[in-house]
């Protein structure tokens, strides 16, 4: 039976990632595996996606670590979904992060 990790070791690990990010000038989200790249208004790549929650031609919602990313627009379609990477094409009007409480951040 594996010993359980305590919360203090997790907190130390997160602070180590934050310190590393500060030293290397890398955002904490990138170190946690989340990376969002918007090219123009017609192509979006999201790395770190855990699940596609909602998918229509006007709205796509994807689960990230602890939050949801909502993409709104028109003629949206998913061109790829593989190993946590989602690619979306179409006319992108907005991106919105929704926290665990369900409210936009």
PDB file of N, CA and C in Angstrom:
ATOM      1  N   UNK A   1       0.834  -1.177   0.000  1.00  0.00           N
ATOM      2  CA  UNK A   1       0.000   0.000   0.000  1.00  0.00           C
ATOM      3  C   UNK A   1       0.884   1.247   0.000  1.00  0.00           C
ATOM      4  N   UNK A   2       0.573   2.175  -0.908  1.00  0.00           N
ATOM      5  CA  UNK A   2       1.367   3.396  -1.020  1.00  0.00           C
ATOM      6  C   UNK A   2       1.022   4.367   0.102  1.00  0.00           C
ATOM      7  N   UNK A   3       2.027   5.047   0.627  1.00  0.00           N
ATOM      8  CA  UNK A   3       1.718   6.084   1.614  1.00  0.00           C
ATOM      9  C   UNK A   3       1.078   7.278   0.913  1.00  0.00           C
ATOM     10  N   UNK A   4       0.138   7.913   1.593  1.00  0.00           N
ATOM     11  CA  UNK A   4      -0.534   9.074   1.020  1.00  0.00           C
ATOM     12  C   UNK A   4       0.379  10.287   1.080  1.00  0.00           C
ATOM     13  N   UNK A   5       0.281  11.110   0.035  1.00  0.00           N
ATOM     14  CA  UNK A   5       1.002  12.376   0.043  1.00  0.00           C
ATOM     15  C   UNK A   5       0.236  13.364   0.902  1.00  0.00           C
ATOM     16  N   UNK A   6       0.954  14.109   1.673  1.00  0.00           N
ATOM     17  CA  UNK A   6       0.263  15.131   2.455  1.00  0.00           C
ATOM     18  C   UNK A   6       0.178  16.422   1.650  1.00  0.00           C
ATOM     19  N   UNK A   7      -0.721  17.292   2.035  1.00  0.00           N
ATOM     20  CA  UNK A   7      -0.948  18.537   1.316  1.00  0.00           C
ATOM     21  C   UNK A   7       0.248  19.462   1.366  1.00  0.00           C
ATOM     22  N   UNK A   8       1.051  19.377   2.415  1.00  0.00           N
ATOM     23  CA  UNK A   8       2.196  20.278   2.525  1.00  0.00           C
ATOM     24  C   UNK A   8       3.232  19.993   1.441  1.00  0.00           C
ATOM     25  N   UNK A   9       3.442  18.723   1.076  1.00  0.00           N
ATOM     26  CA  UNK A   9       4.402  18.422   0.014  1.00  0.00           C
ATOM     27  C   UNK A   9       3.889  18.915  -1.329  1.00  0.00           C
ATOM     28  N   UNK A  10       2.584  18.861  -1.536  1.00  0.00           N
ATOM     29  CA  UNK A  10       1.997  19.377  -2.774  1.00  0.00           C
ATOM     30  C   UNK A  10       2.166  20.896  -2.845  1.00  0.00           C
ATOM     31  N   UNK A  11       1.944  21.565  -1.720  1.00  0.00           N
ATOM     32  CA  UNK A  11       2.102  23.024  -1.680  1.00  0.00           C
ATOM     33  C   UNK A  11       3.552  23.412  -1.954  1.00  0.00           C
ATOM     34  N   UNK A  12       4.499  22.652  -1.377  1.00  0.00           N
ATOM     35  CA  UNK A  12       5.912  22.937  -1.634  1.00  0.00           C
ATOM     36  C   UNK A  12       6.237  22.732  -3.103  1.00  0.00           C
ATOM     37  N   UNK A  13       5.669  21.694  -3.714  1.00  0.00           N
ATOM     38  CA  UNK A  13       5.919  21.414  -5.118  1.00  0.00           C
ATOM     39  C   UNK A  13       5.399  22.547  -5.987  1.00  0.00           C
ATOM     40  N   UNK A  14       4.203  23.036  -5.695  1.00  0.00           N
ATOM     41  CA  UNK A  14       3.627  24.130  -6.472  1.00  0.00           C
ATOM     42  C   UNK A  14       4.473  25.387  -6.325  1.00  0.00           C
ATOM     43  N   UNK A  15       4.919  25.655  -5.130  1.00  0.00           N
ATOM     44  CA  UNK A  15       5.732  26.850  -4.953  1.00  0.00           C
ATOM     45  C   UNK A  15       7.066  26.695  -5.675  1.00  0.00           C
ATOM     46  N   UNK A  16       7.586  25.488  -5.747  1.00  0.00           N
ATOM     47  CA  UNK A  16       8.808  25.257  -6.496  1.00  0.00           C
ATOM     48  C   UNK A  16       8.573  25.535  -7.981  1.00  0.00           C
ATOM     49  N   UNK A  17       7.442  25.096  -8.526  1.00  0.00           N
ATOM     50  CA  UNK A  17       7.116  25.389  -9.916  1.00  0.00           C
ATOM     51  C   UNK A  17       6.970  26.886 -10.146  1.00  0.00           C
ATOM     52  N   UNK A  18       6.342  27.559  -9.196  1.00  0.00           N
ATOM     53  CA  UNK A  18       6.185  29.004  -9.323  1.00  0.00           C
ATOM     54  C   UNK A  18       7.544  29.698  -9.300  1.00  0.00           C
ATOM     55  N   UNK A  19       8.413  29.250  -8.395  1.00  0.00           N
ATOM     56  CA  UNK A  19       9.757  29.843  -8.332  1.00  0.00           C
ATOM     57  C   UNK A  19      10.531  29.581  -9.615  1.00  0.00           C
ATOM     58  N   UNK A  20      10.442  28.365 -10.127  1.00  0.00           N
ATOM     59  CA  UNK A  20      11.129  28.028 -11.369  1.00  0.00           C
ATOM     60  C   UNK A  20      10.606  28.890 -12.513  1.00  0.00           C
ATOM     61  N   UNK A  21       9.296  29.055 -12.568  1.00  0.00           N
ATOM     62  CA  UNK A  21       8.699  29.895 -13.595  1.00  0.00           C
ATOM     63  C   UNK A  21       9.163  31.333 -13.516  1.00  0.00           C
ATOM     64  N   UNK A  22       9.289  31.854 -12.298  1.00  0.00           N
ATOM     65  CA  UNK A  22       9.763  33.224 -12.131  1.00  0.00           C
ATOM     66  C   UNK A  22      11.218  33.360 -12.575  1.00  0.00           C
ATOM     67  N   UNK A  23      12.037  32.397 -12.197  1.00  0.00           N
ATOM     68  CA  UNK A  23      13.458  32.452 -12.575  1.00  0.00           C
ATOM     69  C   UNK A  23      13.642  32.375 -14.088  1.00  0.00           C
ATOM     70  N   UNK A  24      12.832  31.520 -14.746  1.00  0.00           N
ATOM     71  CA  UNK A  24      12.962  31.327 -16.189  1.00  0.00           C
ATOM     72  C   UNK A  24      12.033  32.227 -16.998  1.00  0.00           C
ATOM     73  N   UNK A  25      11.257  33.062 -16.285  1.00  0.00           N
ATOM     74  CA  UNK A  25      10.302  33.968 -16.923  1.00  0.00           C
ATOM     75  C   UNK A  25       9.286  33.198 -17.772  1.00  0.00           C
ATOM     76  N   UNK A  26       8.751  32.121 -17.171  1.00  0.00           N
ATOM     77  CA  UNK A  26       7.746  31.280 -17.819  1.00  0.00           C
ATOM     78  C   UNK A  26       6.477  31.364 -16.980  1.00  0.00           C
ATOM     79  N   UNK A  27       5.330  31.630 -17.609  1.00  0.00           N
ATOM     80  CA  UNK A  27       4.077  31.694 -16.852  1.00  0.00           C
ATOM     81  C   UNK A  27       3.770  30.362 -16.169  1.00  0.00           C
ATOM     82  N   UNK A  28       3.166  30.420 -15.001  1.00  0.00           N
ATOM     83  CA  UNK A  28       2.841  29.213 -14.225  1.00  0.00           C
ATOM     84  C   UNK A  28       1.895  28.295 -14.974  1.00  0.00           C
ATOM     85  N   UNK A  29       0.965  28.866 -15.766  1.00  0.00           N
ATOM     86  CA  UNK A  29       0.039  28.039 -16.537  1.00  0.00           C
ATOM     87  C   UNK A  29       0.772  27.139 -17.526  1.00  0.00           C
ATOM     88  N   UNK A  30       1.819  27.652 -18.129  1.00  0.00           N
ATOM     89  CA  UNK A  30       2.580  26.855 -19.092  1.00  0.00           C
ATOM     90  C   UNK A  30       3.268  25.700 -18.377  1.00  0.00           C
ATOM     91  N   UNK A  31       3.808  25.960 -17.200  1.00  0.00           N
ATOM     92  CA  UNK A  31       4.454  24.889 -16.440  1.00  0.00           C
ATOM     93  C   UNK A  31       3.454  23.837 -15.999  1.00  0.00           C
ATOM     94  N   UNK A  32       2.211  24.221 -15.796  1.00  0.00           N
ATOM     95  CA  UNK A  32       1.196  23.253 -15.380  1.00  0.00           C
ATOM     96  C   UNK A  32       0.627  22.479 -16.563  1.00  0.00           C
ATOM     97  N   UNK A  33       1.051  22.786 -17.769  1.00  0.00           N
ATOM     98  CA  UNK A  33       0.621  22.039 -18.948  1.00  0.00           C
ATOM     99  C   UNK A  33      -0.442  22.727 -19.770  1.00  0.00           C
ATOM    100  N   UNK A  34      -0.888  23.906 -19.372  1.00  0.00           N
ATOM    101  CA  UNK A  34      -1.908  24.623 -20.130  1.00  0.00           C
ATOM    102  C   UNK A  34      -1.230  25.650 -21.029  1.00  0.00           C
ATOM    103  N   UNK A  35      -1.574  25.583 -22.305  1.00  0.00           N
ATOM    104  CA  UNK A  35      -1.018  26.532 -23.268  1.00  0.00           C
ATOM    105  C   UNK A  35      -2.098  26.811 -24.304  1.00  0.00           C
ATOM    106  N   UNK A  36      -2.400  28.089 -24.517  1.00  0.00           N
ATOM    107  CA  UNK A  36      -3.431  28.478 -25.471  1.00  0.00           C
ATOM    108  C   UNK A  36      -2.788  29.384 -26.512  1.00  0.00           C
ATOM    109  N   UNK A  37      -2.999  29.027 -27.766  1.00  0.00           N
ATOM    110  CA  UNK A  37      -2.411  29.799 -28.864  1.00  0.00           C
ATOM    111  C   UNK A  37      -3.512  30.186 -29.841  1.00  0.00           C
ATOM    112  N   UNK A  38      -3.714  31.471 -30.012  1.00  0.00           N
ATOM    113  CA  UNK A  38      -4.714  31.999 -30.933  1.00  0.00           C
ATOM    114  C   UNK A  38      -3.972  32.611 -32.109  1.00  0.00           C
ATOM    115  N   UNK A  39      -4.253  32.101 -33.307  1.00  0.00           N
ATOM    116  CA  UNK A  39      -3.623  32.622 -34.513  1.00  0.00           C
ATOM    117  C   UNK A  39      -4.683  33.352 -35.321  1.00  0.00           C
ATOM    118  N   UNK A  40      -4.572  34.670 -35.293  1.00  0.00           N
ATOM    119  CA  UNK A  40      -5.589  35.483 -35.939  1.00  0.00           C
ATOM    120  C   UNK A  40      -6.903  35.336 -35.200  1.00  0.00           C
ATOM    121  N   UNK A  41      -7.956  35.221 -35.964  1.00  0.00           N
ATOM    122  CA  UNK A  41      -9.281  35.056 -35.377  1.00  0.00           C
ATOM    123  C   UNK A  41      -9.915  33.743 -35.790  1.00  0.00           C
ATOM    124  N   UNK A  42      -9.126  32.935 -36.525  1.00  0.00           N
ATOM    125  CA  UNK A  42      -9.715  31.760 -37.136  1.00  0.00           C
ATOM    126  C   UNK A  42      -9.129  30.433 -36.681  1.00  0.00           C
ATOM    127  N   UNK A  43      -8.104  30.436 -35.838  1.00  0.00           N
ATOM    128  CA  UNK A  43      -7.491  29.171 -35.433  1.00  0.00           C
ATOM    129  C   UNK A  43      -7.019  29.261 -33.989  1.00  0.00           C
ATOM    130  N   UNK A  44      -7.411  28.246 -33.215  1.00  0.00           N
ATOM    131  CA  UNK A  44      -7.068  28.199 -31.795  1.00  0.00           C
ATOM    132  C   UNK A  44      -6.531  26.811 -31.467  1.00  0.00           C
ATOM    133  N   UNK A  45      -5.429  26.759 -30.729  1.00  0.00           N
ATOM    134  CA  UNK A  45      -4.882  25.504 -30.231  1.00  0.00           C
ATOM    135  C   UNK A  45      -4.832  25.580 -28.716  1.00  0.00           C
ATOM    136  N   UNK A  46      -5.384  24.564 -28.054  1.00  0.00           N
ATOM    137  CA  UNK A  46      -5.389  24.496 -26.596  1.00  0.00           C
ATOM    138  C   UNK A  46      -4.666  23.228 -26.184  1.00  0.00           C
ATOM    139  N   UNK A  47      -3.574  23.370 -25.431  1.00  0.00           N
ATOM    140  CA  UNK A  47      -2.848  22.222 -24.888  1.00  0.00           C
ATOM    141  C   UNK A  47      -3.163  22.115 -23.398  1.00  0.00           C
ATOM    142  N   UNK A  48      -3.340  20.904 -22.917  1.00  0.00           N
ATOM    143  CA  UNK A  48      -3.693  20.703 -21.520  1.00  0.00           C
ATOM    144  C   UNK A  48      -5.173  20.446 -21.338  1.00  0.00           C
ATOM    145  N   UNK A  49      -5.862  20.154 -22.431  1.00  0.00           N
ATOM    146  CA  UNK A  49      -7.297  19.875 -22.374  1.00  0.00           C
ATOM    147  C   UNK A  49      -7.524  18.485 -21.800  1.00  0.00           C
ATOM    148  N   UNK A  50      -8.434  18.398 -20.841  1.00  0.00           N
ATOM    149  CA  UNK A  50      -8.765  17.110 -20.236  1.00  0.00           C
ATOM    150  C   UNK A  50     -10.008  16.497 -20.847  1.00  0.00           C
ATOM    151  N   UNK A  51     -10.918  17.355 -21.348  1.00  0.00           N
ATOM    152  CA  UNK A  51     -12.176  16.833 -21.881  1.00  0.00           C
ATOM    153  C   UNK A  51     -12.899  17.934 -22.658  1.00  0.00           C
ATOM    154  N   UNK A  52     -13.578  17.542 -23.726  1.00  0.00           N
ATOM    155  CA  UNK A  52     -14.472  18.466 -24.421  1.00  0.00           C
ATOM    156  C   UNK A  52     -15.834  18.340 -23.756  1.00  0.00           C
ATOM    157  N   UNK A  53     -16.307  19.424 -23.155  1.00  0.00           N
ATOM    158  CA  UNK A  53     -17.558  19.405 -22.396  1.00  0.00           C
ATOM    159  C   UNK A  53     -18.782  19.733 -23.242  1.00  0.00           C
ATOM    160  N   UNK A  54     -18.620  20.623 -24.197  1.00  0.00           N
ATOM    161  CA  UNK A  54     -19.747  21.100 -25.007  1.00  0.00           C
ATOM    162  C   UNK A  54     -19.201  21.455 -26.377  1.00  0.00           C
ATOM    163  N   UNK A  55     -19.947  21.079 -27.433  1.00  0.00           N
ATOM    164  CA  UNK A  55     -19.432  21.303 -28.784  1.00  0.00           C
ATOM    165  C   UNK A  55     -20.584  21.586 -29.743  1.00  0.00           C
ATOM    166  N   UNK A  56     -20.707  22.853 -30.158  1.00  0.00           N
ATOM    167  CA  UNK A  56     -21.659  23.247 -31.197  1.00  0.00           C
ATOM    168  C   UNK A  56     -20.911  24.173 -32.146  1.00  0.00           C
ATOM    169  N   UNK A  57     -21.580  24.607 -33.196  1.00  0.00           N
ATOM    170  CA  UNK A  57     -20.884  25.487 -34.137  1.00  0.00           C
ATOM    171  C   UNK A  57     -20.753  26.923 -33.622  1.00  0.00           C
ATOM    172  N   UNK A  58     -21.412  27.241 -32.493  1.00  0.00           N
ATOM    173  CA  UNK A  58     -21.303  28.590 -31.921  1.00  0.00           C
ATOM    174  C   UNK A  58     -20.577  28.624 -30.573  1.00  0.00           C
ATOM    175  N   UNK A  59     -20.380  27.458 -29.943  1.00  0.00           N
ATOM    176  CA  UNK A  59     -19.727  27.423 -28.630  1.00  0.00           C
ATOM    177  C   UNK A  59     -19.020  26.088 -28.413  1.00  0.00           C
ATOM    178  N   UNK A  60     -17.792  26.178 -27.895  1.00  0.00           N
ATOM    179  CA  UNK A  60     -17.046  24.987 -27.495  1.00  0.00           C
ATOM    180  C   UNK A  60     -16.550  25.241 -26.078  1.00  0.00           C
ATOM    181  N   UNK A  61     -16.770  24.279 -25.188  1.00  0.00           N
ATOM    182  CA  UNK A  61     -16.250  24.368 -23.825  1.00  0.00           C
ATOM    183  C   UNK A  61     -15.343  23.177 -23.574  1.00  0.00           C
ATOM    184  N   UNK A  62     -14.132  23.451 -23.073  1.00  0.00           N
ATOM    185  CA  UNK A  62     -13.174  22.385 -22.768  1.00  0.00           C
ATOM    186  C   UNK A  62     -12.743  22.485 -21.310  1.00  0.00           C
ATOM    187  N   UNK A  63     -12.539  21.332 -20.681  1.00  0.00           N
ATOM    188  CA  UNK A  63     -12.090  21.256 -19.290  1.00  0.00           C
ATOM    189  C   UNK A  63     -10.572  21.337 -19.266  1.00  0.00           C
ATOM    190  N   UNK A  64     -10.076  22.285 -18.516  1.00  0.00           N
ATOM    191  CA  UNK A  64      -8.650  22.403 -18.244  1.00  0.00           C
ATOM    192  C   UNK A  64      -8.436  22.015 -16.790  1.00  0.00           C
ATOM    193  N   UNK A  65      -7.271  22.179 -16.294  1.00  0.00           N
ATOM    194  CA  UNK A  65      -6.978  21.845 -14.902  1.00  0.00           C
ATOM    195  C   UNK A  65      -7.686  22.835 -13.976  1.00  0.00           C
ATOM    196  N   UNK A  66      -8.806  22.422 -13.375  1.00  0.00           N
ATOM    197  CA  UNK A  66      -9.500  23.245 -12.398  1.00  0.00           C
ATOM    198  C   UNK A  66     -10.362  24.358 -12.948  1.00  0.00           C
ATOM    199  N   UNK A  67     -10.482  24.460 -14.267  1.00  0.00           N
ATOM    200  CA  UNK A  67     -11.310  25.505 -14.843  1.00  0.00           C
ATOM    201  C   UNK A  67     -11.799  25.074 -16.215  1.00  0.00           C
ATOM    202  N   UNK A  68     -12.699  25.846 -16.766  1.00  0.00           N
ATOM    203  CA  UNK A  68     -13.259  25.568 -18.079  1.00  0.00           C
ATOM    204  C   UNK A  68     -12.953  26.745 -18.995  1.00  0.00           C
ATOM    205  N   UNK A  69     -12.587  26.435 -20.234  1.00  0.00           N
ATOM    206  CA  UNK A  69     -12.375  27.470 -21.243  1.00  0.00           C
ATOM    207  C   UNK A  69     -13.558  27.427 -22.196  1.00  0.00           C
ATOM    208  N   UNK A  70     -14.228  28.568 -22.357  1.00  0.00           N
ATOM    209  CA  UNK A  70     -15.374  28.682 -23.249  1.00  0.00           C
ATOM    210  C   UNK A  70     -14.949  29.480 -24.472  1.00  0.00           C
ATOM    211  N   UNK A  71     -15.155  28.910 -25.655  1.00  0.00           N
ATOM    212  CA  UNK A  71     -14.839  29.563 -26.917  1.00  0.00           C
ATOM    213  C   UNK A  71     -16.160  29.841 -27.615  1.00  0.00           C
ATOM    214  N   UNK A  72     -16.419  31.102 -27.940  1.00  0.00           N
ATOM    215  CA  UNK A  72     -17.652  31.476 -28.624  1.00  0.00           C
ATOM    216  C   UNK A  72     -17.318  32.054 -29.991  1.00  0.00           C
ATOM    217  N   UNK A  73     -18.209  31.821 -30.943  1.00  0.00           N
ATOM    218  CA  UNK A  73     -18.008  32.334 -32.293  1.00  0.00           C
ATOM    219  C   UNK A  73     -19.034  31.764 -33.239  1.00  0.00           C
ATOM    220  N   UNK A  74     -18.639  31.619 -34.500  1.00  0.00           N
ATOM    221  CA  UNK A  74     -19.532  31.031 -35.498  1.00  0.00           C
ATOM    222  C   UNK A  74     -18.728  30.099 -36.393  1.00  0.00           C
ATOM    223  N   UNK A  75     -19.399  29.125 -36.936  1.00  0.00           N
ATOM    224  CA  UNK A  75     -18.776  28.116 -37.804  1.00  0.00           C
ATOM    225  C   UNK A  75     -17.599  27.425 -37.120  1.00  0.00           C
ATOM    226  N   UNK A  76     -17.691  27.216 -35.793  1.00  0.00           N
ATOM    227  CA  UNK A  76     -16.611  26.574 -35.053  1.00  0.00           C
ATOM    228  C   UNK A  76     -16.625  25.075 -35.310  1.00  0.00           C
ATOM    229  N   UNK A  77     -15.448  24.517 -35.524  1.00  0.00           N
ATOM    230  CA  UNK A  77     -15.337  23.075 -35.640  1.00  0.00           C
ATOM    231  C   UNK A  77     -13.975  22.626 -35.133  1.00  0.00           C
ATOM    232  N   UNK A  78     -13.981  21.467 -34.534  1.00  0.00           N
ATOM    233  CA  UNK A  78     -12.776  20.881 -33.959  1.00  0.00           C
ATOM    234  C   UNK A  78     -12.050  20.113 -35.056  1.00  0.00           C
ATOM    235  N   UNK A  79     -10.837  20.545 -35.386  1.00  0.00           N
ATOM    236  CA  UNK A  79     -10.079  19.874 -36.447  1.00  0.00           C
ATOM    237  C   UNK A  79      -9.197  18.769 -35.897  1.00  0.00           C
ATOM    238  N   UNK A  80      -8.888  18.803 -34.596  1.00  0.00           N
ATOM    239  CA  UNK A  80      -8.050  17.756 -33.999  1.00  0.00           C
ATOM    240  C   UNK A  80      -8.277  17.708 -32.496  1.00  0.00           C
ATOM    241  N   UNK A  81      -8.200  16.499 -31.954  1.00  0.00           N
ATOM    242  CA  UNK A  81      -8.228  16.294 -30.509  1.00  0.00           C
ATOM    243  C   UNK A  81      -7.406  15.046 -30.235  1.00  0.00           C
ATOM    244  N   UNK A  82      -6.199  15.256 -29.713  1.00  0.00           N
ATOM    245  CA  UNK A  82      -5.292  14.137 -29.501  1.00  0.00           C
ATOM    246  C   UNK A  82      -4.335  14.460 -28.361  1.00  0.00           C
ATOM    247  N   UNK A  83      -4.285  13.561 -27.375  1.00  0.00           N
ATOM    248  CA  UNK A  83      -3.349  13.700 -26.248  1.00  0.00           C
ATOM    249  C   UNK A  83      -3.402  15.065 -25.571  1.00  0.00           C
ATOM    250  N   UNK A  84      -4.605  15.524 -25.324  1.00  0.00           N
ATOM    251  CA  UNK A  84      -4.774  16.773 -24.593  1.00  0.00           C
ATOM    252  C   UNK A  84      -4.624  18.031 -25.420  1.00  0.00           C
ATOM    253  N   UNK A  85      -4.528  17.882 -26.742  1.00  0.00           N
ATOM    254  CA  UNK A  85      -4.415  19.048 -27.618  1.00  0.00           C
ATOM    255  C   UNK A  85      -5.673  19.141 -28.466  1.00  0.00           C
ATOM    256  N   UNK A  86      -6.330  20.299 -28.418  1.00  0.00           N
ATOM    257  CA  UNK A  86      -7.538  20.556 -29.203  1.00  0.00           C
ATOM    258  C   UNK A  86      -7.238  21.690 -30.162  1.00  0.00           C
ATOM    259  N   UNK A  87      -7.611  21.499 -31.423  1.00  0.00           N
ATOM    260  CA  UNK A  87      -7.493  22.566 -32.412  1.00  0.00           C
ATOM    261  C   UNK A  87      -8.886  22.912 -32.902  1.00  0.00           C
ATOM    262  N   UNK A  88      -9.183  24.199 -32.908  1.00  0.00           N
ATOM    263  CA  UNK A  88     -10.509  24.679 -33.297  1.00  0.00           C
ATOM    264  C   UNK A  88     -10.342  25.738 -34.375  1.00  0.00           C
ATOM    265  N   UNK A  89     -11.093  25.571 -35.448  1.00  0.00           N
ATOM    266  CA  UNK A  89     -11.136  26.551 -36.535  1.00  0.00           C
ATOM    267  C   UNK A  89     -12.526  27.164 -36.586  1.00  0.00           C
ATOM    268  N   UNK A  90     -12.630  28.316 -37.221  1.00  0.00           N
ATOM    269  CA  UNK A  90     -13.899  29.026 -37.363  1.00  0.00           C
ATOM    270  C   UNK A  90     -13.676  30.494 -37.055  1.00  0.00           C
ATOM    271  N   UNK A  91     -14.736  31.211 -36.882  1.00  0.00           N
ATOM    272  CA  UNK A  91     -14.635  32.632 -36.534  1.00  0.00           C
ATOM    273  C   UNK A  91     -14.778  32.736 -35.021  1.00  0.00           C
ATOM    274  N   UNK A  92     -13.684  33.074 -34.351  1.00  0.00           N
ATOM    275  CA  UNK A  92     -13.648  33.112 -32.888  1.00  0.00           C
ATOM    276  C   UNK A  92     -13.946  34.535 -32.422  1.00  0.00           C
ATOM    277  N   UNK A  93     -15.017  34.670 -31.656  1.00  0.00           N
ATOM    278  CA  UNK A  93     -15.414  35.980 -31.131  1.00  0.00           C
ATOM    279  C   UNK A  93     -14.866  36.230 -29.738  1.00  0.00           C
ATOM    280  N   UNK A  94     -14.827  35.172 -28.882  1.00  0.00           N
ATOM    281  CA  UNK A  94     -14.381  35.390 -27.509  1.00  0.00           C
ATOM    282  C   UNK A  94     -13.874  34.106 -26.876  1.00  0.00           C
ATOM    283  N   UNK A  95     -13.000  34.298 -25.888  1.00  0.00           N
ATOM    284  CA  UNK A  95     -12.512  33.236 -25.011  1.00  0.00           C
ATOM    285  C   UNK A  95     -12.835  33.669 -23.593  1.00  0.00           C
ATOM    286  N   UNK A  96     -13.331  32.735 -22.794  1.00  0.00           N
ATOM    287  CA  UNK A  96     -13.708  33.068 -21.423  1.00  0.00           C
ATOM    288  C   UNK A  96     -13.330  31.915 -20.502  1.00  0.00           C
ATOM    289  N   UNK A  97     -12.640  32.225 -19.408  1.00  0.00           N
ATOM    290  CA  UNK A  97     -12.312  31.214 -18.406  1.00  0.00           C
ATOM    291  C   UNK A  97     -13.405  31.176 -17.359  1.00  0.00           C
ATOM    292  N   UNK A  98     -13.890  29.974 -17.064  1.00  0.00           N
ATOM    293  CA  UNK A  98     -14.915  29.778 -16.057  1.00  0.00           C
ATOM    294  C   UNK A  98     -14.306  28.918 -14.959  1.00  0.00           C
ATOM    295  N   UNK A  99     -14.273  29.450 -13.727  1.00  0.00           N
ATOM    296  CA  UNK A  99     -13.686  28.723 -12.603  1.00  0.00           C
ATOM    297  C   UNK A  99     -14.599  27.628 -12.109  1.00  0.00           C
ATOM    298  N   UNK A 100     -14.177  26.932 -11.073  1.00  0.00           N
ATOM    299  CA  UNK A 100     -14.954  25.831 -10.522  1.00  0.00           C
ATOM    300  C   UNK A 100     -16.300  26.281  -9.969  1.00  0.00           C
ATOM    301  N   UNK A 101     -16.408  27.529  -9.578  1.00  0.00           N
ATOM    302  CA  UNK A 101     -17.670  28.031  -9.036  1.00  0.00           C
ATOM    303  C   UNK A 101     -18.691  28.276 -10.135  1.00  0.00           C
ATOM    304  N   UNK A 102     -18.224  28.246 -11.402  1.00  0.00           N
ATOM    305  CA  UNK A 102     -19.139  28.469 -12.521  1.00  0.00           C
ATOM    306  C   UNK A 102     -19.201  29.896 -12.994  1.00  0.00           C
ATOM    307  N   UNK A 103     -18.502  30.799 -12.320  1.00  0.00           N
ATOM    308  CA  UNK A 103     -18.518  32.201 -12.707  1.00  0.00           C
ATOM    309  C   UNK A 103     -17.322  32.495 -13.614  1.00  0.00           C
ATOM    310  N   UNK A 104     -17.509  33.410 -14.544  1.00  0.00           N
ATOM    311  CA  UNK A 104     -16.429  33.832 -15.424  1.00  0.00           C
ATOM    312  C   UNK A 104     -15.375  34.550 -14.612  1.00  0.00           C
ATOM    313  N   UNK A 105     -14.142  34.319 -14.957  1.00  0.00           N
ATOM    314  CA  UNK A 105     -13.033  34.972 -14.258  1.00  0.00           C
ATOM    315  C   UNK A 105     -12.533  36.137 -15.062  1.00  0.00           C
TER     316      UNK A 105
END
